[in-house]
């Protein structure tokens, strides 16, 4: 479903092998949050979505873990940004801004997508779902 949906928007995206269960377990264990169903289903079809230059539309599971742990644990960030443990990032804008889900009471309670602005530390709602985010970002309807 996801590969067909993304390909219907643009033929410029490449897909990877599906995620394996141990990678999903790793995300949950390391980031201490269950993935939202829509992101989980996408990763079960392709472990990340990339353009022809290798830039990700959706990060791979390893990049999701790496980037989230980096932002949550970087000591210097604790003095300049609000905490990042209330967001699960899965993509970036290429300019330093990141896209993610909001975590409340230890879980992702809805499909809303937010953008974190690295310049002013704001967190702004940008799309009601992963599907709307992908369509909007790929077509330019969503920009930062």
Protein backbone atom coordinates (compact mmCIF):
# COMPACT_ATOMS: atom_id res chain seq x y z
CA UNK A 1 0.00 0.00 0.00
CA UNK A 2 2.70 2.53 1.00
CA UNK A 3 5.04 1.89 -1.93
CA UNK A 4 2.14 2.19 -4.36
CA UNK A 5 0.90 5.36 -2.66
CA UNK A 6 4.33 7.02 -2.75
CA UNK A 7 4.95 5.92 -6.35
CA UNK A 8 1.60 7.42 -7.35
CA UNK A 9 2.80 10.80 -6.07
CA UNK A 10 6.30 10.67 -7.56
CA UNK A 11 8.43 8.12 -9.38
CA UNK A 12 11.55 9.77 -7.90
CA UNK A 13 11.58 7.70 -4.70
CA UNK A 14 13.43 4.44 -4.09
CA UNK A 15 12.51 1.72 -1.64
CA UNK A 16 14.54 -0.68 0.49
CA UNK A 17 13.96 -4.18 1.79
CA UNK A 18 11.26 -4.43 4.48
CA UNK A 19 12.29 -4.03 8.09
CA UNK A 20 12.89 -7.21 10.08
CA UNK A 21 11.18 -7.80 13.41
CA UNK A 22 14.38 -7.42 15.44
CA UNK A 23 14.77 -3.87 14.12
CA UNK A 24 11.26 -3.01 15.27
CA UNK A 25 12.01 -4.49 18.68
CA UNK A 26 15.20 -2.40 18.81
CA UNK A 27 13.30 0.84 18.20
CA UNK A 28 10.82 0.09 20.96
CA UNK A 29 13.55 -0.96 23.40
CA UNK A 30 15.95 1.90 22.71
CA UNK A 31 13.44 4.72 22.30
CA UNK A 32 10.93 3.40 24.84
CA UNK A 33 7.90 4.03 22.64
CA UNK A 34 5.72 1.95 20.33
CA UNK A 35 5.72 3.09 16.72
CA UNK A 36 2.41 4.42 15.40
CA UNK A 37 0.63 1.88 13.20
CA UNK A 38 1.01 3.91 9.99
CA UNK A 39 4.80 4.22 10.35
CA UNK A 40 5.06 0.58 11.38
CA UNK A 41 3.17 -0.53 8.26
CA UNK A 42 5.36 1.65 6.01
CA UNK A 43 8.55 0.18 7.50
CA UNK A 44 7.19 -3.34 7.03
CA UNK A 45 7.06 -2.56 3.28
CA UNK A 46 10.31 -0.61 2.99
CA UNK A 47 12.98 0.24 5.55
CA UNK A 48 13.09 3.90 4.59
CA UNK A 49 12.18 5.88 1.48
CA UNK A 50 14.89 7.75 -0.42
CA UNK A 51 15.17 10.01 -3.44
CA UNK A 52 17.55 9.41 -6.35
CA UNK A 53 20.33 11.24 -4.47
CA UNK A 54 19.96 9.09 -1.34
CA UNK A 55 18.19 11.78 0.68
CA UNK A 56 15.50 10.25 2.86
CA UNK A 57 11.82 11.05 2.68
CA UNK A 58 11.38 8.58 5.57
CA UNK A 59 14.39 7.43 7.60
CA UNK A 60 15.40 3.80 7.98
CA UNK A 61 14.92 2.19 11.39
CA UNK A 62 18.62 2.54 12.18
CA UNK A 63 18.51 6.26 11.39
CA UNK A 64 15.33 6.69 13.45
CA UNK A 65 17.11 5.20 16.47
CA UNK A 66 20.38 7.06 15.85
CA UNK A 67 18.85 10.51 15.35
CA UNK A 68 16.36 10.26 18.21
CA UNK A 69 19.02 9.07 20.68
CA UNK A 70 21.37 11.82 19.52
CA UNK A 71 18.83 14.58 20.07
CA UNK A 72 17.65 13.15 23.38
CA UNK A 73 21.15 12.64 24.80
CA UNK A 74 23.34 15.44 23.41
CA UNK A 75 24.52 17.32 26.51
CA UNK A 76 24.88 20.69 24.77
CA UNK A 77 21.25 20.59 23.61
CA UNK A 78 19.99 20.49 27.20
CA UNK A 79 20.95 24.16 27.63
CA UNK A 80 19.49 25.46 24.37
CA UNK A 81 16.44 23.31 23.50
CA UNK A 82 13.38 21.90 25.22
CA UNK A 83 13.67 18.12 25.82
CA UNK A 84 13.31 15.85 22.79
CA UNK A 85 11.97 12.78 24.57
CA UNK A 86 8.42 13.92 23.79
CA UNK A 87 8.97 13.58 20.04
CA UNK A 88 9.71 10.61 17.77
CA UNK A 89 11.53 11.91 14.71
CA UNK A 90 11.31 9.96 11.43
CA UNK A 91 12.42 12.46 8.76
CA UNK A 92 14.20 15.75 8.20
CA UNK A 93 13.75 18.74 5.95
CA UNK A 94 17.40 18.89 4.90
CA UNK A 95 17.87 22.25 6.61
CA UNK A 96 18.16 21.08 10.23
CA UNK A 97 14.42 20.90 10.91
CA UNK A 98 12.98 17.50 11.82
CA UNK A 99 9.58 15.83 11.43
CA UNK A 100 8.06 13.60 14.06
CA UNK A 101 5.18 12.37 16.15
CA UNK A 102 4.29 13.81 19.56
CA UNK A 103 4.74 11.50 22.55
CA UNK A 104 2.37 12.08 25.49
CA UNK A 105 2.36 9.97 28.66
CA UNK A 106 4.90 7.63 27.08
CA UNK A 107 2.96 6.86 23.91
CA UNK A 108 2.06 8.27 20.53
CA UNK A 109 -1.66 8.91 20.92
CA UNK A 110 -2.56 10.08 17.41
CA UNK A 111 -1.18 10.33 13.88
CA UNK A 112 -0.45 14.08 13.88
CA UNK A 113 2.92 15.09 12.45
CA UNK A 114 4.94 18.00 13.85
CA UNK A 115 7.97 19.88 12.60
CA UNK A 116 10.70 20.91 15.03
CA UNK A 117 12.42 24.14 13.98
CA UNK A 118 16.11 24.01 14.87
CA UNK A 119 16.50 27.81 14.83
CA UNK A 120 13.83 28.77 17.36
CA UNK A 121 13.06 25.37 19.00
CA UNK A 122 9.38 25.62 18.04
CA UNK A 123 7.30 22.51 17.48
CA UNK A 124 4.47 23.10 15.03
CA UNK A 125 1.70 20.81 13.77
CA UNK A 126 2.18 20.23 10.05
CA UNK A 127 -0.03 17.29 8.95
CA UNK A 128 -2.83 15.07 10.32
CA UNK A 129 -1.16 11.80 9.26
CA UNK A 130 1.90 10.21 7.71
CA UNK A 131 0.02 9.88 4.42
CA UNK A 132 -0.82 13.60 4.37
CA UNK A 133 2.76 14.46 5.34
CA UNK A 134 4.28 12.35 2.56
CA UNK A 135 1.92 13.74 -0.06
CA UNK A 136 2.36 17.32 1.12
CA UNK A 137 6.14 17.17 1.44
CA UNK A 138 6.68 15.33 -1.86
CA UNK A 139 4.46 17.74 -3.81
CA UNK A 140 5.59 20.93 -2.10
CA UNK A 141 2.21 21.58 -0.45
CA UNK A 142 4.06 21.39 2.88
CA UNK A 143 7.22 23.44 3.31
CA UNK A 144 9.30 24.78 6.17
